C-alpha atoms as a PDB file:
ATOM      1  CA  MET A   1       0.000   0.000   0.000  1.00  0.00           C
ATOM      2  CA  THR A   2       1.302   3.427  -0.861  1.00  0.00           C
ATOM      3  CA  GLY A   3       1.143   6.338   1.471  1.00  0.00           C
ATOM      4  CA  SER A   4       2.583   9.674   2.344  1.00  0.00           C
ATOM      5  CA  GLY A   5       4.760  10.890   5.159  1.00  0.00           C
ATOM      6  CA  THR A   6       7.282  13.513   6.096  1.00  0.00           C
ATOM      7  CA  ALA A   7      10.930  13.648   7.020  1.00  0.00           C
ATOM      8  CA  VAL A   8      10.583  16.225   9.813  1.00  0.00           C
ATOM      9  CA  ALA A   9      10.550  13.678  12.652  1.00  0.00           C
ATOM     10  CA  GLY A  10      14.187  13.282  13.618  1.00  0.00           C
ATOM     11  CA  PRO A  11      15.196  11.011  16.496  1.00  0.00           C
ATOM     12  CA  ASP A  12      14.849  13.846  19.037  1.00  0.00           C
ATOM     13  CA  ARG A  13      11.961  15.673  17.343  1.00  0.00           C
ATOM     14  CA  PHE A  14       9.587  15.309  20.316  1.00  0.00           C
ATOM     15  CA  GLY A  15      11.949  15.736  23.247  1.00  0.00           C
ATOM     16  CA  HIS A  16      13.312  12.193  23.466  1.00  0.00           C
ATOM     17  CA  ALA A  17      16.481  11.116  21.675  1.00  0.00           C
ATOM     18  CA  PHE A  18      15.571   7.699  20.316  1.00  0.00           C
ATOM     19  CA  ALA A  19      18.364   5.157  20.294  1.00  0.00           C
ATOM     20  CA  ASP A  20      16.181   3.049  17.991  1.00  0.00           C
ATOM     21  CA  ALA A  21      14.818   5.342  15.286  1.00  0.00           C
ATOM     22  CA  ALA A  22      12.671   2.485  13.973  1.00  0.00           C
ATOM     23  CA  LEU A  23      10.504   2.770  17.093  1.00  0.00           C
ATOM     24  CA  LEU A  24       9.826   6.428  16.365  1.00  0.00           C
ATOM     25  CA  ARG A  25       9.013   5.616  12.744  1.00  0.00           C
ATOM     26  CA  ARG A  26       6.583   2.906  13.833  1.00  0.00           C
ATOM     27  CA  ALA A  27       4.908   5.204  16.370  1.00  0.00           C
ATOM     28  CA  LEU A  28       4.199   7.709  13.610  1.00  0.00           C
ATOM     29  CA  THR A  29       2.879   5.161  11.101  1.00  0.00           C
ATOM     30  CA  HIS A  30      -0.897   4.872  10.872  1.00  0.00           C
ATOM     31  CA  ARG A  31      -2.359   1.516   9.879  1.00  0.00           C
ATOM     32  CA  SER A  32      -3.650   3.065   6.639  1.00  0.00           C
ATOM     33  CA  PHE A  33      -0.021   3.402   5.540  1.00  0.00           C
ATOM     34  CA  GLY A  34       0.448  -0.363   5.833  1.00  0.00           C
ATOM     35  CA  GLY A  35       3.422  -2.327   7.055  1.00  0.00           C
ATOM     36  CA  ASP A  36       4.780  -1.783  10.538  1.00  0.00           C
ATOM     37  CA  HIS A  37       2.102   0.508  11.998  1.00  0.00           C
ATOM     38  CA  ASN A  38       1.593   1.921  15.489  1.00  0.00           C
ATOM     39  CA  GLU A  39      -1.392   0.068  16.982  1.00  0.00           C
ATOM     40  CA  ARG A  40       0.623  -2.229  19.246  1.00  0.00           C
ATOM     41  CA  LEU A  41       2.672   0.717  20.494  1.00  0.00           C
ATOM     42  CA  GLU A  42      -0.580   2.581  21.128  1.00  0.00           C
ATOM     43  CA  PHE A  43      -1.806  -0.329  23.265  1.00  0.00           C
ATOM     44  CA  LEU A  44       1.380  -0.240  25.334  1.00  0.00           C
ATOM     45  CA  GLY A  45       1.487   3.540  25.552  1.00  0.00           C
ATOM     46  CA  ASP A  46      -2.073   3.705  26.865  1.00  0.00           C
ATOM     47  CA  ALA A  47      -1.089   1.521  29.838  1.00  0.00           C
ATOM     48  CA  VAL A  48       2.134   3.450  30.527  1.00  0.00           C
ATOM     49  CA  LEU A  49       0.350   6.779  30.230  1.00  0.00           C
ATOM     50  CA  SER A  50      -2.375   5.774  32.684  1.00  0.00           C
ATOM     51  CA  CYS A  51       0.244   4.553  35.147  1.00  0.00           C
ATOM     52  CA  VAL A  52       2.287   7.756  34.966  1.00  0.00           C
ATOM     53  CA  VAL A  53      -0.767   9.988  35.370  1.00  0.00           C
ATOM     54  CA  ALA A  54      -2.081   7.901  38.271  1.00  0.00           C
ATOM     55  CA  GLU A  55       1.311   8.006  39.992  1.00  0.00           C
ATOM     56  CA  ARG A  56       1.562  11.788  39.621  1.00  0.00           C
ATOM     57  CA  LEU A  57      -1.980  12.326  40.920  1.00  0.00           C
ATOM     58  CA  LEU A  58      -1.211  10.190  43.975  1.00  0.00           C
ATOM     59  CA  GLU A  59       1.959  12.206  44.636  1.00  0.00           C
ATOM     60  CA  GLN A  60       0.293  15.591  44.461  1.00  0.00           C
ATOM     61  CA  SER A  61      -2.991  14.633  46.163  1.00  0.00           C
ATOM     62  CA  PRO A  62      -2.216  12.113  48.926  1.00  0.00           C
ATOM     63  CA  GLY A  63      -5.550  12.637  50.654  1.00  0.00           C
ATOM     64  CA  ALA A  64      -7.813  12.398  47.599  1.00  0.00           C
ATOM     65  CA  ALA A  65     -10.399   9.632  47.389  1.00  0.00           C
ATOM     66  CA  GLU A  66     -10.091   6.936  44.745  1.00  0.00           C
ATOM     67  CA  GLY A  67     -13.215   8.112  42.952  1.00  0.00           C
ATOM     68  CA  VAL A  68     -11.855  11.640  42.598  1.00  0.00           C
ATOM     69  CA  LEU A  69      -8.495  10.356  41.353  1.00  0.00           C
ATOM     70  CA  SER A  70     -10.220   8.116  38.807  1.00  0.00           C
ATOM     71  CA  ARG A  71     -12.268  11.043  37.537  1.00  0.00           C
ATOM     72  CA  LEU A  72      -9.205  13.231  37.189  1.00  0.00           C
ATOM     73  CA  ARG A  73      -7.211  10.534  35.425  1.00  0.00           C
ATOM     74  CA  ALA A  74     -10.070   9.952  32.974  1.00  0.00           C
ATOM     75  CA  SER A  75     -10.212  13.671  32.214  1.00  0.00           C
ATOM     76  CA  LEU A  76      -6.458  13.749  31.533  1.00  0.00           C
ATOM     77  CA  VAL A  77      -6.048  10.681  29.329  1.00  0.00           C
ATOM     78  CA  ASN A  78      -9.188  10.905  27.201  1.00  0.00           C
ATOM     79  CA  GLN A  79      -9.185  11.577  23.491  1.00  0.00           C
ATOM     80  CA  ALA A  80      -9.828  15.318  23.788  1.00  0.00           C
ATOM     81  CA  SER A  81      -6.879  15.868  26.123  1.00  0.00           C
ATOM     82  CA  LEU A  82      -4.452  13.736  24.117  1.00  0.00           C
ATOM     83  CA  HIS A  83      -5.600  15.304  20.852  1.00  0.00           C
ATOM     84  CA  ALA A  84      -4.673  18.706  22.303  1.00  0.00           C
ATOM     85  CA  VAL A  85      -1.203  17.406  23.181  1.00  0.00           C
ATOM     86  CA  GLY A  86      -0.856  15.945  19.688  1.00  0.00           C
ATOM     87  CA  ARG A  87      -1.694  19.323  18.162  1.00  0.00           C
ATOM     88  CA  GLU A  88       0.831  21.066  20.408  1.00  0.00           C
ATOM     89  CA  LEU A  89       3.492  18.621  19.206  1.00  0.00           C
ATOM     90  CA  ASP A  90       2.375  19.043  15.590  1.00  0.00           C
ATOM     91  CA  LEU A  91       2.139  15.275  15.344  1.00  0.00           C
ATOM     92  CA  GLY A  92      -0.012  15.540  12.245  1.00  0.00           C
ATOM     93  CA  ALA A  93       2.879  16.883  10.205  1.00  0.00           C
ATOM     94  CA  ALA A  94       5.037  13.875  11.117  1.00  0.00           C
ATOM     95  CA  LEU A  95       2.550  11.056  10.526  1.00  0.00           C
ATOM     96  CA  ARG A  96       2.815   8.493   7.762  1.00  0.00           C
ATOM     97  CA  LEU A  97      -0.683   8.014   6.378  1.00  0.00           C
ATOM     98  CA  GLY A  98      -2.253   6.095   3.539  1.00  0.00           C
ATOM     99  CA  GLU A  99      -3.356   8.201   0.593  1.00  0.00           C
ATOM    100  CA  GLY A 100      -7.052   7.743   1.386  1.00  0.00           C
ATOM    101  CA  GLU A 101      -6.614   8.817   5.017  1.00  0.00           C
ATOM    102  CA  GLU A 102      -4.472  11.732   3.872  1.00  0.00           C
ATOM    103  CA  ARG A 103      -7.222  12.969   1.536  1.00  0.00           C
ATOM    104  CA  ALA A 104      -9.812  12.508   4.292  1.00  0.00           C
ATOM    105  CA  GLY A 105      -7.966  14.899   6.602  1.00  0.00           C
ATOM    106  CA  GLY A 106      -6.322  12.300   8.814  1.00  0.00           C
ATOM    107  CA  ARG A 107      -3.519  14.628   9.875  1.00  0.00           C
ATOM    108  CA  GLN A 108      -6.027  16.660  11.878  1.00  0.00           C
ATOM    109  CA  ARG A 109      -8.268  13.794  13.024  1.00  0.00           C
ATOM    110  CA  ALA A 110      -8.598  13.789  16.829  1.00  0.00           C
ATOM    111  CA  SER A 111      -8.523  10.011  17.224  1.00  0.00           C
ATOM    112  CA  ILE A 112      -5.419   9.629  15.037  1.00  0.00           C
ATOM    113  CA  LEU A 113      -3.462  12.329  16.876  1.00  0.00           C
ATOM    114  CA  ALA A 114      -4.472  10.996  20.302  1.00  0.00           C
ATOM    115  CA  ASP A 115      -3.517   7.455  19.302  1.00  0.00           C
ATOM    116  CA  ALA A 116      -0.192   8.643  17.876  1.00  0.00           C
ATOM    117  CA  PHE A 117       0.703  10.318  21.156  1.00  0.00           C
ATOM    118  CA  GLU A 118      -0.036   7.094  23.034  1.00  0.00           C
ATOM    119  CA  ALA A 119       2.111   5.228  20.499  1.00  0.00           C
ATOM    120  CA  LEU A 120       4.941   7.696  21.122  1.00  0.00           C
ATOM    121  CA  VAL A 121       4.721   7.006  24.852  1.00  0.00           C
ATOM    122  CA  GLY A 122       4.921   3.279  24.144  1.00  0.00           C
ATOM    123  CA  ALA A 123       7.885   3.800  21.844  1.00  0.00           C
ATOM    124  CA  VAL A 124       9.773   5.814  24.461  1.00  0.00           C
ATOM    125  CA  PHE A 125       9.069   3.098  27.030  1.00  0.00           C
ATOM    126  CA  LEU A 126      10.526   0.385  24.765  1.00  0.00           C
ATOM    127  CA  ASP A 127      13.439   2.574  23.764  1.00  0.00           C
ATOM    128  CA  ALA A 128      14.573   3.699  27.207  1.00  0.00           C
ATOM    129  CA  GLY A 129      12.365   2.282  29.975  1.00  0.00           C
ATOM    130  CA  TYR A 130       9.756   3.555  32.401  1.00  0.00           C
ATOM    131  CA  ALA A 131      11.747   6.464  33.825  1.00  0.00           C
ATOM    132  CA  ALA A 132      12.245   7.946  30.366  1.00  0.00           C
ATOM    133  CA  ALA A 133       8.591   7.381  29.489  1.00  0.00           C
ATOM    134  CA  ARG A 134       7.540   9.062  32.731  1.00  0.00           C
ATOM    135  CA  THR A 135       9.725  12.069  31.948  1.00  0.00           C
ATOM    136  CA  PHE A 136       8.264  12.232  28.451  1.00  0.00           C
ATOM    137  CA  VAL A 137       4.661  12.078  29.664  1.00  0.00           C
ATOM    138  CA  LEU A 138       5.175  14.669  32.386  1.00  0.00           C
ATOM    139  CA  ARG A 139       6.952  17.002  29.946  1.00  0.00           C
ATOM    140  CA  HIS A 140       3.820  17.100  27.825  1.00  0.00           C
ATOM    141  CA  LEU A 141       1.036  16.453  30.368  1.00  0.00           C
ATOM    142  CA  GLY A 142       2.553  17.628  33.643  1.00  0.00           C
ATOM    143  CA  GLY A 143       1.033  21.093  33.441  1.00  0.00           C
ATOM    144  CA  ARG A 144      -2.421  19.666  32.894  1.00  0.00           C
ATOM    145  CA  ILE A 145      -1.991  17.227  35.774  1.00  0.00           C
ATOM    146  CA  ASP A 146      -0.811  19.941  38.137  1.00  0.00           C
ATOM    147  CA  ALA A 147      -3.776  22.122  37.167  1.00  0.00           C
ATOM    148  CA  ALA A 148      -6.329  19.372  37.826  1.00  0.00           C
ATOM    149  CA  ASP A 149      -8.986  20.649  40.210  1.00  0.00           C
ATOM    150  CA  LEU A 150      -9.725  18.256  43.055  1.00  0.00           C
ATOM    151  CA  GLU A 151     -12.523  20.487  44.289  1.00  0.00           C
ATOM    152  CA  GLN A 152     -14.440  20.466  41.014  1.00  0.00           C
ATOM    153  CA  PRO A 153     -17.825  18.824  41.634  1.00  0.00           C
ATOM    154  CA  LEU A 154     -18.156  15.279  40.372  1.00  0.00           C
ATOM    155  CA  LYS A 155     -19.675  15.153  36.919  1.00  0.00           C
ATOM    156  CA  ASP A 156     -23.004  13.511  36.369  1.00  0.00           C
ATOM    157  CA  PRO A 157     -22.986   9.702  36.053  1.00  0.00           C
ATOM    158  CA  LYS A 158     -23.440   9.631  32.266  1.00  0.00           C
ATOM    159  CA  THR A 159     -20.499  11.981  31.724  1.00  0.00           C
ATOM    160  CA  ARG A 160     -18.274  10.081  34.150  1.00  0.00           C
ATOM    161  CA  LEU A 161     -19.146   6.765  32.501  1.00  0.00           C
ATOM    162  CA  GLN A 162     -18.473   8.141  29.035  1.00  0.00           C
ATOM    163  CA  GLU A 163     -15.083   9.548  30.065  1.00  0.00           C
ATOM    164  CA  TRP A 164     -14.153   6.264  31.753  1.00  0.00           C
ATOM    165  CA  LEU A 165     -14.940   4.326  28.568  1.00  0.00           C
ATOM    166  CA  GLN A 166     -13.179   6.856  26.327  1.00  0.00           C
ATOM    167  CA  ALA A 167     -10.049   6.678  28.449  1.00  0.00           C
ATOM    168  CA  ARG A 168      -9.933   2.935  27.779  1.00  0.00           C
ATOM    169  CA  HIS A 169     -10.867   3.209  24.091  1.00  0.00           C
ATOM    170  CA  LEU A 170     -14.072   1.252  24.671  1.00  0.00           C
ATOM    171  CA  PRO A 171     -17.334   1.811  22.770  1.00  0.00           C
ATOM    172  CA  LEU A 172     -19.632   4.436  24.233  1.00  0.00           C
ATOM    173  CA  PRO A 173     -22.723   3.201  26.097  1.00  0.00           C
ATOM    174  CA  GLY A 174     -26.005   2.719  24.331  1.00  0.00           C
ATOM    175  CA  TYR A 175     -29.185   3.618  26.218  1.00  0.00           C
ATOM    176  CA  GLU A 176     -32.527   2.088  25.216  1.00  0.00           C
ATOM    177  CA  VAL A 177     -35.974   2.640  26.671  1.00  0.00           C
ATOM    178  CA  VAL A 178     -37.353  -0.857  27.228  1.00  0.00           C
ATOM    179  CA  ALA A 179     -40.610   0.028  28.990  1.00  0.00           C
ATOM    180  CA  THR A 180     -42.836   2.921  29.989  1.00  0.00           C
ATOM    181  CA  ARG A 181     -45.443   2.640  32.721  1.00  0.00           C
ATOM    182  CA  GLY A 182     -48.164   4.778  34.232  1.00  0.00           C
ATOM    183  CA  GLU A 183     -50.373   7.617  33.035  1.00  0.00           C
ATOM    184  CA  ALA A 184     -48.968  10.468  30.970  1.00  0.00           C
ATOM    185  CA  HIS A 185     -48.817  12.790  34.009  1.00  0.00           C
ATOM    186  CA  ALA A 186     -46.935  10.213  36.145  1.00  0.00           C
ATOM    187  CA  ARG A 187     -45.019   8.090  33.707  1.00  0.00           C
ATOM    188  CA  THR A 188     -42.009   5.953  34.643  1.00  0.00           C
ATOM    189  CA  PHE A 189     -39.321   5.102  32.117  1.00  0.00           C
ATOM    190  CA  GLU A 190     -37.190   1.958  32.286  1.00  0.00           C
ATOM    191  CA  VAL A 191     -33.859   2.213  30.455  1.00  0.00           C
ATOM    192  CA  GLU A 192     -31.370  -0.516  29.636  1.00  0.00           C
ATOM    193  CA  CYS A 193     -27.685   0.014  28.969  1.00  0.00           C
ATOM    194  CA  ARG A 194     -24.921  -2.314  27.813  1.00  0.00           C
ATOM    195  CA  ILE A 195     -21.187  -1.649  27.974  1.00  0.00           C
ATOM    196  CA  ASP A 196     -18.022  -3.610  27.336  1.00  0.00           C
ATOM    197  CA  GLY A 197     -16.697  -4.824  30.663  1.00  0.00           C
ATOM    198  CA  LEU A 198     -19.997  -5.973  32.155  1.00  0.00           C
ATOM    199  CA  PRO A 199     -21.439  -9.298  31.025  1.00  0.00           C
ATOM    200  CA  ASP A 200     -25.106  -8.353  31.378  1.00  0.00           C
ATOM    201  CA  PRO A 201     -27.186  -5.282  30.554  1.00  0.00           C
ATOM    202  CA  VAL A 202     -28.128  -2.989  33.426  1.00  0.00           C
ATOM    203  CA  ARG A 203     -31.595  -1.472  33.907  1.00  0.00           C
ATOM    204  CA  ALA A 204     -32.930   1.406  35.969  1.00  0.00           C
ATOM    205  CA  CYS A 205     -36.101   3.507  36.164  1.00  0.00           C
ATOM    206  CA  GLY A 206     -36.824   7.210  36.425  1.00  0.00           C
ATOM    207  CA  PRO A 207     -39.600   9.792  35.974  1.00  0.00           C
ATOM    208  CA  SER A 208     -38.092  10.845  32.618  1.00  0.00           C
ATOM    209  CA  ARG A 209     -35.888   9.214  30.040  1.00  0.00           C
ATOM    210  CA  ARG A 210     -32.989  11.449  31.056  1.00  0.00           C
ATOM    211  CA  ALA A 211     -33.409  10.605  34.747  1.00  0.00           C
ATOM    212  CA  ALA A 212     -33.543   6.889  33.951  1.00  0.00           C
ATOM    213  CA  GLU A 213     -30.375   7.137  31.833  1.00  0.00           C
ATOM    214  CA  GLN A 214     -28.568   8.911  34.682  1.00  0.00           C
ATOM    215  CA  ALA A 215     -29.786   6.252  37.112  1.00  0.00           C
ATOM    216  CA  VAL A 216     -28.587   3.355  34.991  1.00  0.00           C
ATOM    217  CA  ALA A 217     -25.228   5.079  34.393  1.00  0.00           C
ATOM    218  CA  ALA A 218     -24.828   5.483  38.175  1.00  0.00           C
ATOM    219  CA  LEU A 219     -25.540   1.764  38.663  1.00  0.00           C
ATOM    220  CA  ILE A 220     -22.980   0.817  36.023  1.00  0.00           C
ATOM    221  CA  TRP A 221     -20.405   3.142  37.567  1.00  0.00           C
ATOM    222  CA  GLN A 222     -21.007   1.504  40.966  1.00  0.00           C
ATOM    223  CA  ARG A 223     -20.510  -1.978  39.504  1.00  0.00           C
ATOM    224  CA  LEU A 224     -17.337  -0.958  37.720  1.00  0.00           C
ATOM    225  CA  GLU A 225     -15.916   0.440  40.979  1.00  0.00           C
ATOM    226  CA  GLU A 226     -16.829  -2.808  42.777  1.00  0.00           C
ATOM    227  CA  ARG A 227     -14.957  -4.810  40.120  1.00  0.00           C
ATOM    228  CA  ALA A 228     -11.863  -2.562  40.210  1.00  0.00           C
END
């Protein structure tokens, strides 16, 4: 498969001097380009990134509850946050993309830039170990971590659940009304939701569809915390 790329990404282009330049090349190669692409590095980088962010949050907030730390970590390692870092690094200019993805605007696509940053983290880890990867992550995310607001009110259950799933690159939840009961002036809605990570669908009721969706999201969040 043919593709397009750029020569601007030298071995120290992003603040880490790669001993193995092939790792950097792989981290910047989208699967549309073919060959040795970055998906496995992305998988590794996601785990390293979550570990580094969790470690830093524990260091700076020793008294924070687990639920607060989980919320903050999810807000720091989701697609929107990592896309912003990718834009700051101008990752789009360094990517190797297939011609179709190039024409479709892949160099600016949020998911591609976020994934490429995770792949870079994985590449640094393989190239030089955890300490180097930690330094790399904190160089680019440290300011955001330090600015995280522990006092910010917890987001509603649907938002928290969505951010938790996004941080793990899992499909977003689907909510379905499975029953309505009662008269029009006092109706109760029953909503079902399925997510990856729980074997069975979860149901909850509420006086409106929105209230039922929030209730079922809260139940799912509770079950996920129990399984953690």
